[in-house]
Amino acid sequence: VGQGGLLDVVLDSRFANNRQIYFCFTEKGEGADRGKNGTALARAR
């Protein structure tokens, strides 16, 4: 929404060995945060 969405992505410095990446994105709120959102940082392989 707006300026939010799937945003940055970087490789781990040891990606050649671990295939790890990090990315940040706009995450929808749940429960008490319903109707809100915020930036979240995730890791994955």
All heavy atoms as atom14 arrays in JSON, in Angstrom:
{
  "sequence": "VGQGGLLDVVLDSRFANNRQIYFCFTEKGEGADRGKNGTALARAR",
  "atom14_mask": [
    [1, 1, 1, 1, 1, 1, 1, 0, 0, 0, 0, 0, 0, 0],
    [1, 1, 1, 1, 0, 0, 0, 0, 0, 0, 0, 0, 0, 0],
    [1, 1, 1, 1, 1, 1, 1, 1, 1, 0, 0, 0, 0, 0],
    [1, 1, 1, 1, 0, 0, 0, 0, 0, 0, 0, 0, 0, 0],
    [1, 1, 1, 1, 0, 0, 0, 0, 0, 0, 0, 0, 0, 0],
    [1, 1, 1, 1, 1, 1, 1, 1, 0, 0, 0, 0, 0, 0],
    [1, 1, 1, 1, 1, 1, 1, 1, 0, 0, 0, 0, 0, 0],
    [1, 1, 1, 1, 1, 1, 1, 1, 0, 0, 0, 0, 0, 0],
    [1, 1, 1, 1, 1, 1, 1, 0, 0, 0, 0, 0, 0, 0],
    [1, 1, 1, 1, 1, 1, 1, 0, 0, 0, 0, 0, 0, 0],
    [1, 1, 1, 1, 1, 1, 1, 1, 0, 0, 0, 0, 0, 0],
    [1, 1, 1, 1, 1, 1, 1, 1, 0, 0, 0, 0, 0, 0],
    [1, 1, 1, 1, 1, 1, 0, 0, 0, 0, 0, 0, 0, 0],
    [1, 1, 1, 1, 1, 1, 1, 1, 1, 1, 1, 0, 0, 0],
    [1, 1, 1, 1, 1, 1, 1, 1, 1, 1, 1, 0, 0, 0],
    [1, 1, 1, 1, 1, 0, 0, 0, 0, 0, 0, 0, 0, 0],
    [1, 1, 1, 1, 1, 1, 1, 1, 0, 0, 0, 0, 0, 0],
    [1, 1, 1, 1, 1, 1, 1, 1, 0, 0, 0, 0, 0, 0],
    [1, 1, 1, 1, 1, 1, 1, 1, 1, 1, 1, 0, 0, 0],
    [1, 1, 1, 1, 1, 1, 1, 1, 1, 0, 0, 0, 0, 0],
    [1, 1, 1, 1, 1, 1, 1, 1, 0, 0, 0, 0, 0, 0],
    [1, 1, 1, 1, 1, 1, 1, 1, 1, 1, 1, 1, 0, 0],
    [1, 1, 1, 1, 1, 1, 1, 1, 1, 1, 1, 0, 0, 0],
    [1, 1, 1, 1, 1, 1, 0, 0, 0, 0, 0, 0, 0, 0],
    [1, 1, 1, 1, 1, 1, 1, 1, 1, 1, 1, 0, 0, 0],
    [1, 1, 1, 1, 1, 1, 1, 0, 0, 0, 0, 0, 0, 0],
    [1, 1, 1, 1, 1, 1, 1, 1, 1, 0, 0, 0, 0, 0],
    [1, 1, 1, 1, 1, 1, 1, 1, 1, 0, 0, 0, 0, 0],
    [1, 1, 1, 1, 0, 0, 0, 0, 0, 0, 0, 0, 0, 0],
    [1, 1, 1, 1, 1, 1, 1, 1, 1, 0, 0, 0, 0, 0],
    [1, 1, 1, 1, 0, 0, 0, 0, 0, 0, 0, 0, 0, 0],
    [1, 1, 1, 1, 1, 0, 0, 0, 0, 0, 0, 0, 0, 0],
    [1, 1, 1, 1, 1, 1, 1, 1, 0, 0, 0, 0, 0, 0],
    [1, 1, 1, 1, 1, 1, 1, 1, 1, 1, 1, 0, 0, 0],
    [1, 1, 1, 1, 0, 0, 0, 0, 0, 0, 0, 0, 0, 0],
    [1, 1, 1, 1, 1, 1, 1, 1, 1, 0, 0, 0, 0, 0],
    [1, 1, 1, 1, 1, 1, 1, 1, 0, 0, 0, 0, 0, 0],
    [1, 1, 1, 1, 0, 0, 0, 0, 0, 0, 0, 0, 0, 0],
    [1, 1, 1, 1, 1, 1, 1, 0, 0, 0, 0, 0, 0, 0],
    [1, 1, 1, 1, 1, 0, 0, 0, 0, 0, 0, 0, 0, 0],
    [1, 1, 1, 1, 1, 1, 1, 1, 0, 0, 0, 0, 0, 0],
    [1, 1, 1, 1, 1, 0, 0, 0, 0, 0, 0, 0, 0, 0],
    [1, 1, 1, 1, 1, 1, 1, 1, 1, 1, 1, 0, 0, 0],
    [1, 1, 1, 1, 1, 0, 0, 0, 0, 0, 0, 0, 0, 0],
    [1, 1, 1, 1, 1, 1, 1, 1, 1, 1, 1, 0, 0, 0]
  ],
  "atom14_positions": [
    [[0.85, -1.19, 0.0], [0.0, 0.0, 0.0], [0.89, 1.24, 0.0], [1.91, 1.29, 0.68], [-0.94, 0.02, 1.23], [-1.93, -1.1, 1.18], [-0.15, -0.03, 2.53], [0.0, 0.0, 0.0], [0.0, 0.0, 0.0], [0.0, 0.0, 0.0], [0.0, 0.0, 0.0], [0.0, 0.0, 0.0], [0.0, 0.0, 0.0], [0.0, 0.0, 0.0]],
    [[0.49, 2.26, -0.77], [1.27, 3.48, -0.8], [2.72, 3.21, -1.14], [3.05, 2.61, -2.17], [0.0, 0.0, 0.0], [0.0, 0.0, 0.0], [0.0, 0.0, 0.0], [0.0, 0.0, 0.0], [0.0, 0.0, 0.0], [0.0, 0.0, 0.0], [0.0, 0.0, 0.0], [0.0, 0.0, 0.0], [0.0, 0.0, 0.0], [0.0, 0.0, 0.0]],
    [[3.64, 3.62, -0.25], [5.06, 3.4, -0.45], [5.53, 2.05, 0.08], [6.71, 1.72, -0.02], [5.85, 4.52, 0.24], [5.57, 5.9, -0.34], [6.15, 7.02, 0.51], [6.65, 6.81, 1.61], [6.08, 8.25, -0.01], [0.0, 0.0, 0.0], [0.0, 0.0, 0.0], [0.0, 0.0, 0.0], [0.0, 0.0, 0.0], [0.0, 0.0, 0.0]],
    [[4.61, 1.28, 0.65], [4.98, 0.01, 1.26], [4.91, -1.15, 0.3], [4.37, -1.06, -0.8], [0.0, 0.0, 0.0], [0.0, 0.0, 0.0], [0.0, 0.0, 0.0], [0.0, 0.0, 0.0], [0.0, 0.0, 0.0], [0.0, 0.0, 0.0], [0.0, 0.0, 0.0], [0.0, 0.0, 0.0], [0.0, 0.0, 0.0], [0.0, 0.0, 0.0]],
    [[5.46, -2.28, 0.73], [5.45, -3.49, -0.06], [6.68, -4.32, 0.23], [7.25, -4.27, 1.33], [0.0, 0.0, 0.0], [0.0, 0.0, 0.0], [0.0, 0.0, 0.0], [0.0, 0.0, 0.0], [0.0, 0.0, 0.0], [0.0, 0.0, 0.0], [0.0, 0.0, 0.0], [0.0, 0.0, 0.0], [0.0, 0.0, 0.0], [0.0, 0.0, 0.0]],
    [[7.11, -5.11, -0.75], [8.35, -5.87, -0.65], [9.48, -4.94, -1.07], [9.5, -4.45, -2.21], [8.29, -7.1, -1.54], [9.5, -8.03, -1.51], [9.81, -8.53, -0.11], [9.28, -9.21, -2.46], [0.0, 0.0, 0.0], [0.0, 0.0, 0.0], [0.0, 0.0, 0.0], [0.0, 0.0, 0.0], [0.0, 0.0, 0.0], [0.0, 0.0, 0.0]],
    [[10.44, -4.7, -0.19], [11.39, -3.62, -0.41], [12.82, -4.16, -0.54], [13.12, -4.83, -1.51], [11.21, -2.57, 0.7], [9.77, -2.03, 0.81], [9.62, -1.07, 1.98], [9.3, -1.39, -0.47], [0.0, 0.0, 0.0], [0.0, 0.0, 0.0], [0.0, 0.0, 0.0], [0.0, 0.0, 0.0], [0.0, 0.0, 0.0], [0.0, 0.0, 0.0]],
    [[13.7, -3.94, 0.39], [15.12, -4.25, 0.16], [15.42, -5.74, 0.29], [14.7, -6.49, 0.97], [15.99, -3.47, 1.14], [17.41, -3.26, 0.63], [17.65, -3.46, -0.58], [18.28, -2.9, 1.43], [0.0, 0.0, 0.0], [0.0, 0.0, 0.0], [0.0, 0.0, 0.0], [0.0, 0.0, 0.0], [0.0, 0.0, 0.0], [0.0, 0.0, 0.0]],
    [[16.52, -6.15, -0.33], [17.05, -7.51, -0.21], [18.56, -7.46, -0.31], [19.12, -6.71, -1.12], [16.46, -8.45, -1.28], [16.84, -8.01, -2.71], [16.9, -9.89, -1.05], [0.0, 0.0, 0.0], [0.0, 0.0, 0.0], [0.0, 0.0, 0.0], [0.0, 0.0, 0.0], [0.0, 0.0, 0.0], [0.0, 0.0, 0.0], [0.0, 0.0, 0.0]],
    [[19.25, -8.21, 0.56], [20.71, -8.33, 0.51], [21.09, -9.78, 0.74], [20.34, -10.56, 1.36], [21.42, -7.43, 1.56], [21.11, -5.96, 1.32], [21.04, -7.84, 2.97], [0.0, 0.0, 0.0], [0.0, 0.0, 0.0], [0.0, 0.0, 0.0], [0.0, 0.0, 0.0], [0.0, 0.0, 0.0], [0.0, 0.0, 0.0], [0.0, 0.0, 0.0]],
    [[22.27, -10.15, 0.26], [22.81, -11.48, 0.49], [23.65, -11.49, 1.76], [24.32, -10.5, 2.08], [23.69, -11.93, -0.68], [23.11, -11.87, -2.09], [24.11, -12.51, -3.06], [21.76, -12.53, -2.18], [0.0, 0.0, 0.0], [0.0, 0.0, 0.0], [0.0, 0.0, 0.0], [0.0, 0.0, 0.0], [0.0, 0.0, 0.0], [0.0, 0.0, 0.0]],
    [[23.65, -12.6, 2.47], [24.58, -12.78, 3.57], [26.01, -12.77, 3.02], [26.27, -13.2, 1.89], [24.29, -14.12, 4.27], [25.1, -14.32, 5.53], [26.24, -14.82, 5.43], [24.61, -13.98, 6.6], [0.0, 0.0, 0.0], [0.0, 0.0, 0.0], [0.0, 0.0, 0.0], [0.0, 0.0, 0.0], [0.0, 0.0, 0.0], [0.0, 0.0, 0.0]],
    [[26.95, -12.27, 3.81], [28.34, -12.22, 3.36], [28.91, -13.61, 3.08], [29.91, -13.73, 2.35], [29.21, -11.51, 4.41], [29.08, -12.16, 5.67], [0.0, 0.0, 0.0], [0.0, 0.0, 0.0], [0.0, 0.0, 0.0], [0.0, 0.0, 0.0], [0.0, 0.0, 0.0], [0.0, 0.0, 0.0], [0.0, 0.0, 0.0], [0.0, 0.0, 0.0]],
    [[28.29, -14.65, 3.63], [28.72, -16.03, 3.38], [27.69, -16.77, 2.53], [27.52, -17.98, 2.63], [28.95, -16.75, 4.71], [30.03, -16.1, 5.58], [30.28, -16.87, 6.87], [30.89, -18.18, 6.59], [30.26, -19.35, 6.74], [29.0, -19.39, 7.13], [30.88, -20.46, 6.47], [0.0, 0.0, 0.0], [0.0, 0.0, 0.0], [0.0, 0.0, 0.0]],
    [[27.03, -16.03, 1.65], [25.97, -16.63, 0.83], [26.44, -17.84, 0.05], [25.7, -18.82, -0.11], [25.39, -15.58, -0.12], [24.33, -16.12, -1.05], [23.0, -16.16, -0.64], [24.65, -16.6, -2.31], [22.03, -16.67, -1.47], [23.67, -17.1, -3.15], [22.35, -17.13, -2.73], [0.0, 0.0, 0.0], [0.0, 0.0, 0.0], [0.0, 0.0, 0.0]],
    [[27.66, -17.79, -0.45], [28.18, -18.92, -1.25], [28.17, -20.22, -0.46], [28.07, -21.31, -1.06], [29.59, -18.61, -1.73], [0.0, 0.0, 0.0], [0.0, 0.0, 0.0], [0.0, 0.0, 0.0], [0.0, 0.0, 0.0], [0.0, 0.0, 0.0], [0.0, 0.0, 0.0], [0.0, 0.0, 0.0], [0.0, 0.0, 0.0], [0.0, 0.0, 0.0]],
    [[28.22, -20.11, 0.87], [28.22, -21.31, 1.71], [26.85, -21.61, 2.32], [26.48, -22.77, 2.48], [29.24, -21.16, 2.85], [30.65, -21.02, 2.34], [31.06, -21.72, 1.43], [31.4, -20.1, 2.93], [0.0, 0.0, 0.0], [0.0, 0.0, 0.0], [0.0, 0.0, 0.0], [0.0, 0.0, 0.0], [0.0, 0.0, 0.0], [0.0, 0.0, 0.0]],
    [[26.09, -20.54, 2.66], [24.84, -20.79, 3.4], [23.56, -20.42, 2.65], [22.46, -20.67, 3.14], [24.87, -20.07, 4.75], [24.99, -18.55, 4.61], [24.69, -17.96, 3.57], [25.43, -17.9, 5.68], [0.0, 0.0, 0.0], [0.0, 0.0, 0.0], [0.0, 0.0, 0.0], [0.0, 0.0, 0.0], [0.0, 0.0, 0.0], [0.0, 0.0, 0.0]],
    [[23.67, -19.76, 1.5], [22.53, -19.37, 0.66], [21.52, -18.5, 1.42], [20.34, -18.43, 1.08], [21.84, -20.58, 0.04], [22.76, -21.49, -0.78], [22.0, -22.45, -1.66], [21.21, -21.75, -2.67], [21.7, -21.25, -3.81], [23.0, -21.36, -4.09], [20.9, -20.64, -4.66], [0.0, 0.0, 0.0], [0.0, 0.0, 0.0], [0.0, 0.0, 0.0]],
    [[21.99, -17.79, 2.44], [21.13, -16.98, 3.28], [20.92, -15.6, 2.68], [21.85, -14.98, 2.16], [21.77, -16.82, 4.66], [20.86, -16.24, 5.73], [19.98, -17.3, 6.35], [20.38, -18.43, 6.52], [18.76, -16.92, 6.67], [0.0, 0.0, 0.0], [0.0, 0.0, 0.0], [0.0, 0.0, 0.0], [0.0, 0.0, 0.0], [0.0, 0.0, 0.0]],
    [[19.68, -15.1, 2.73], [19.37, -13.73, 2.32], [18.59, -13.05, 3.44], [18.04, -13.7, 4.33], [18.57, -13.66, 1.0], [17.14, -14.21, 1.22], [19.28, -14.4, -0.11], [16.2, -13.89, 0.06], [0.0, 0.0, 0.0], [0.0, 0.0, 0.0], [0.0, 0.0, 0.0], [0.0, 0.0, 0.0], [0.0, 0.0, 0.0], [0.0, 0.0, 0.0]],
    [[18.54, -11.71, 3.38], [17.76, -10.91, 4.3], [16.94, -9.93, 3.47], [17.42, -9.38, 2.48], [18.67, -10.14, 5.27], [19.63, -11.05, 5.98], [20.92, -11.25, 5.47], [19.25, -11.75, 7.12], [21.8, -12.13, 6.1], [20.12, -12.62, 7.75], [21.4, -12.81, 7.23], [22.26, -13.68, 7.84], [0.0, 0.0, 0.0], [0.0, 0.0, 0.0]],
    [[15.69, -9.75, 3.84], [14.84, -8.82, 3.11], [13.89, -8.14, 4.08], [13.58, -8.65, 5.16], [14.08, -9.52, 1.97], [13.17, -10.64, 2.4], [11.8, -10.42, 2.61], [13.66, -11.92, 2.58], [10.98, -11.46, 3.0], [12.84, -12.96, 2.96], [11.48, -12.74, 3.17], [0.0, 0.0, 0.0], [0.0, 0.0, 0.0], [0.0, 0.0, 0.0]],
    [[13.43, -6.95, 3.71], [12.47, -6.23, 4.55], [11.24, -5.89, 3.73], [11.29, -5.76, 2.51], [13.1, -5.0, 5.19], [13.96, -3.88, 4.09], [0.0, 0.0, 0.0], [0.0, 0.0, 0.0], [0.0, 0.0, 0.0], [0.0, 0.0, 0.0], [0.0, 0.0, 0.0], [0.0, 0.0, 0.0], [0.0, 0.0, 0.0], [0.0, 0.0, 0.0]],
    [[10.13, -5.76, 4.43], [8.84, -5.6, 3.76], [7.83, -4.97, 4.71], [8.06, -4.9, 5.93], [8.34, -6.96, 3.26], [8.02, -7.96, 4.34], [6.71, -8.18, 4.76], [9.04, -8.68, 4.96], [6.43, -9.1, 5.76], [8.76, -9.6, 5.96], [7.45, -9.81, 6.36], [0.0, 0.0, 0.0], [0.0, 0.0, 0.0], [0.0, 0.0, 0.0]],
    [[6.73, -4.51, 4.14], [5.64, -3.96, 4.93], [4.74, -5.1, 5.38], [4.19, -5.83, 4.55], [4.84, -2.94, 4.12], [5.73, -1.95, 3.6], [3.78, -2.26, 4.97], [0.0, 0.0, 0.0], [0.0, 0.0, 0.0], [0.0, 0.0, 0.0], [0.0, 0.0, 0.0], [0.0, 0.0, 0.0], [0.0, 0.0, 0.0], [0.0, 0.0, 0.0]],
    [[4.61, -5.23, 6.69], [3.85, -6.32, 7.28], [2.52, -5.8, 7.82], [2.48, -4.81, 8.56], [4.66, -6.95, 8.41], [3.99, -8.15, 9.06], [4.83, -8.69, 10.21], [5.18, -7.9, 11.11], [5.14, -9.9, 10.19], [0.0, 0.0, 0.0], [0.0, 0.0, 0.0], [0.0, 0.0, 0.0], [0.0, 0.0, 0.0], [0.0, 0.0, 0.0]],
    [[1.45, -6.48, 7.5], [0.11, -6.11, 7.96], [-0.05, -6.46, 9.42], [0.38, -7.51, 9.88], [-0.92, -6.84, 7.12], [-2.36, -6.41, 7.34], [-3.27, -7.11, 6.35], [-4.71, -6.63, 6.48], [-5.59, -7.31, 5.48], [0.0, 0.0, 0.0], [0.0, 0.0, 0.0], [0.0, 0.0, 0.0], [0.0, 0.0, 0.0], [0.0, 0.0, 0.0]],
    [[-0.69, -5.57, 10.17], [-0.93, -5.82, 11.58], [-2.08, -6.78, 11.81], [-3.01, -6.9, 11.0], [0.0, 0.0, 0.0], [0.0, 0.0, 0.0], [0.0, 0.0, 0.0], [0.0, 0.0, 0.0], [0.0, 0.0, 0.0], [0.0, 0.0, 0.0], [0.0, 0.0, 0.0], [0.0, 0.0, 0.0], [0.0, 0.0, 0.0], [0.0, 0.0, 0.0]],
    [[-2.02, -7.46, 12.93], [-3.07, -8.39, 13.32], [-3.5, -8.1, 14.75], [-2.81, -7.42, 15.5], [-2.57, -9.84, 13.22], [-2.17, -10.25, 11.81], [-1.63, -11.68, 11.75], [-1.42, -12.26, 12.85], [-1.44, -12.2, 10.64], [0.0, 0.0, 0.0], [0.0, 0.0, 0.0], [0.0, 0.0, 0.0], [0.0, 0.0, 0.0], [0.0, 0.0, 0.0]],
    [[-4.65, -8.63, 15.14], [-5.12, -8.46, 16.5], [-5.3, -7.0, 16.85], [-6.01, -6.26, 16.17], [0.0, 0.0, 0.0], [0.0, 0.0, 0.0], [0.0, 0.0, 0.0], [0.0, 0.0, 0.0], [0.0, 0.0, 0.0], [0.0, 0.0, 0.0], [0.0, 0.0, 0.0], [0.0, 0.0, 0.0], [0.0, 0.0, 0.0], [0.0, 0.0, 0.0]],
    [[-4.63, -6.57, 17.92], [-4.74, -5.17, 18.35], [-4.18, -4.2, 17.31], [-4.51, -3.02, 17.35], [-4.01, -4.99, 19.68], [0.0, 0.0, 0.0], [0.0, 0.0, 0.0], [0.0, 0.0, 0.0], [0.0, 0.0, 0.0], [0.0, 0.0, 0.0], [0.0, 0.0, 0.0], [0.0, 0.0, 0.0], [0.0, 0.0, 0.0], [0.0, 0.0, 0.0]],
    [[-3.35, -4.7, 16.39], [-2.76, -3.85, 15.34], [-3.52, -3.95, 14.02], [-3.02, -3.51, 12.99], [-1.3, -4.24, 15.11], [-0.4, -3.77, 16.23], [-0.69, -2.72, 16.83], [0.61, -4.45, 16.51], [0.0, 0.0, 0.0], [0.0, 0.0, 0.0], [0.0, 0.0, 0.0], [0.0, 0.0, 0.0], [0.0, 0.0, 0.0], [0.0, 0.0, 0.0]],
    [[-4.7, -4.52, 14.05], [-5.5, -4.64, 12.84], [-5.72, -3.24, 12.24], [-6.05, -2.29, 12.94], [-6.84, -5.29, 13.15], [-7.7, -5.58, 11.92], [-8.98, -6.28, 12.33], [-9.83, -6.54, 11.19], [-9.72, -7.59, 10.39], [-8.78, -8.5, 10.62], [-10.54, -7.77, 9.38], [0.0, 0.0, 0.0], [0.0, 0.0, 0.0], [0.0, 0.0, 0.0]],
    [[-5.54, -3.11, 10.94], [-5.66, -1.83, 10.27], [-4.38, -1.02, 10.26], [-4.34, 0.07, 9.69], [0.0, 0.0, 0.0], [0.0, 0.0, 0.0], [0.0, 0.0, 0.0], [0.0, 0.0, 0.0], [0.0, 0.0, 0.0], [0.0, 0.0, 0.0], [0.0, 0.0, 0.0], [0.0, 0.0, 0.0], [0.0, 0.0, 0.0], [0.0, 0.0, 0.0]],
    [[-3.32, -1.56, 10.86], [-2.03, -0.89, 10.89], [-1.0, -1.74, 10.15], [-1.26, -2.88, 9.76], [-1.58, -0.67, 12.34], [-2.56, 0.15, 13.17], [-2.07, 0.27, 14.61], [-3.05, 1.08, 15.44], [-2.6, 1.2, 16.85], [0.0, 0.0, 0.0], [0.0, 0.0, 0.0], [0.0, 0.0, 0.0], [0.0, 0.0, 0.0], [0.0, 0.0, 0.0]],
    [[0.19, -1.19, 9.96], [1.26, -1.95, 9.32], [2.61, -1.41, 9.78], [2.68, -0.37, 10.45], [1.13, -1.94, 7.79], [1.1, -0.53, 7.21], [1.84, 0.35, 7.64], [0.24, -0.3, 6.23], [0.0, 0.0, 0.0], [0.0, 0.0, 0.0], [0.0, 0.0, 0.0], [0.0, 0.0, 0.0], [0.0, 0.0, 0.0], [0.0, 0.0, 0.0]],
    [[3.66, -2.1, 9.41], [5.0, -1.66, 9.8], [6.06, -2.44, 9.05], [5.79, -3.45, 8.38], [0.0, 0.0, 0.0], [0.0, 0.0, 0.0], [0.0, 0.0, 0.0], [0.0, 0.0, 0.0], [0.0, 0.0, 0.0], [0.0, 0.0, 0.0], [0.0, 0.0, 0.0], [0.0, 0.0, 0.0], [0.0, 0.0, 0.0], [0.0, 0.0, 0.0]],
    [[7.29, -1.97, 9.14], [8.41, -2.6, 8.47], [8.9, -3.81, 9.26], [9.03, -3.75, 10.48], [9.57, -1.59, 8.31], [9.09, -0.47, 7.57], [10.75, -2.21, 7.58], [0.0, 0.0, 0.0], [0.0, 0.0, 0.0], [0.0, 0.0, 0.0], [0.0, 0.0, 0.0], [0.0, 0.0, 0.0], [0.0, 0.0, 0.0], [0.0, 0.0, 0.0]],
    [[9.14, -4.9, 8.56], [9.65, -6.12, 9.17], [10.89, -6.59, 8.42], [11.04, -6.34, 7.22], [8.58, -7.21, 9.15], [0.0, 0.0, 0.0], [0.0, 0.0, 0.0], [0.0, 0.0, 0.0], [0.0, 0.0, 0.0], [0.0, 0.0, 0.0], [0.0, 0.0, 0.0], [0.0, 0.0, 0.0], [0.0, 0.0, 0.0], [0.0, 0.0, 0.0]],
    [[11.79, -7.25, 9.14], [13.02, -7.81, 8.58], [12.96, -9.33, 8.67], [12.66, -9.87, 9.75], [14.24, -7.29, 9.35], [15.61, -7.89, 9.02], [16.03, -7.56, 7.6], [16.66, -7.4, 10.03], [0.0, 0.0, 0.0], [0.0, 0.0, 0.0], [0.0, 0.0, 0.0], [0.0, 0.0, 0.0], [0.0, 0.0, 0.0], [0.0, 0.0, 0.0]],
    [[13.23, -10.0, 7.57], [13.17, -11.46, 7.53], [14.46, -12.03, 6.99], [15.21, -11.37, 6.25], [12.0, -11.93, 6.68], [0.0, 0.0, 0.0], [0.0, 0.0, 0.0], [0.0, 0.0, 0.0], [0.0, 0.0, 0.0], [0.0, 0.0, 0.0], [0.0, 0.0, 0.0], [0.0, 0.0, 0.0], [0.0, 0.0, 0.0], [0.0, 0.0, 0.0]],
    [[14.73, -13.27, 7.37], [15.83, -14.03, 6.77], [15.25, -15.28, 6.14], [14.17, -15.77, 6.53], [16.89, -14.38, 7.81], [16.44, -15.37, 8.85], [17.54, -15.66, 9.85], [17.13, -16.68, 10.81], [17.85, -17.03, 11.88], [19.02, -16.45, 12.11], [17.41, -17.95, 12.7], [0.0, 0.0, 0.0], [0.0, 0.0, 0.0], [0.0, 0.0, 0.0]],
    [[15.95, -15.8, 5.15], [15.48, -17.0, 4.46], [16.66, -17.61, 3.72], [17.73, -17.0, 3.58], [14.36, -16.66, 3.48], [0.0, 0.0, 0.0], [0.0, 0.0, 0.0], [0.0, 0.0, 0.0], [0.0, 0.0, 0.0], [0.0, 0.0, 0.0], [0.0, 0.0, 0.0], [0.0, 0.0, 0.0], [0.0, 0.0, 0.0], [0.0, 0.0, 0.0]],
    [[16.46, -18.81, 3.24], [17.46, -19.5, 2.42], [16.91, -19.63, 1.01], [15.78, -20.11, 0.82], [17.76, -20.88, 3.01], [19.0, -21.55, 2.42], [19.19, -22.94, 3.04], [19.16, -22.92, 4.5], [20.2, -22.61, 5.26], [21.36, -22.28, 4.7], [20.08, -22.63, 6.58], [0.0, 0.0, 0.0], [0.0, 0.0, 0.0], [0.0, 0.0, 0.0]]
  ]
}
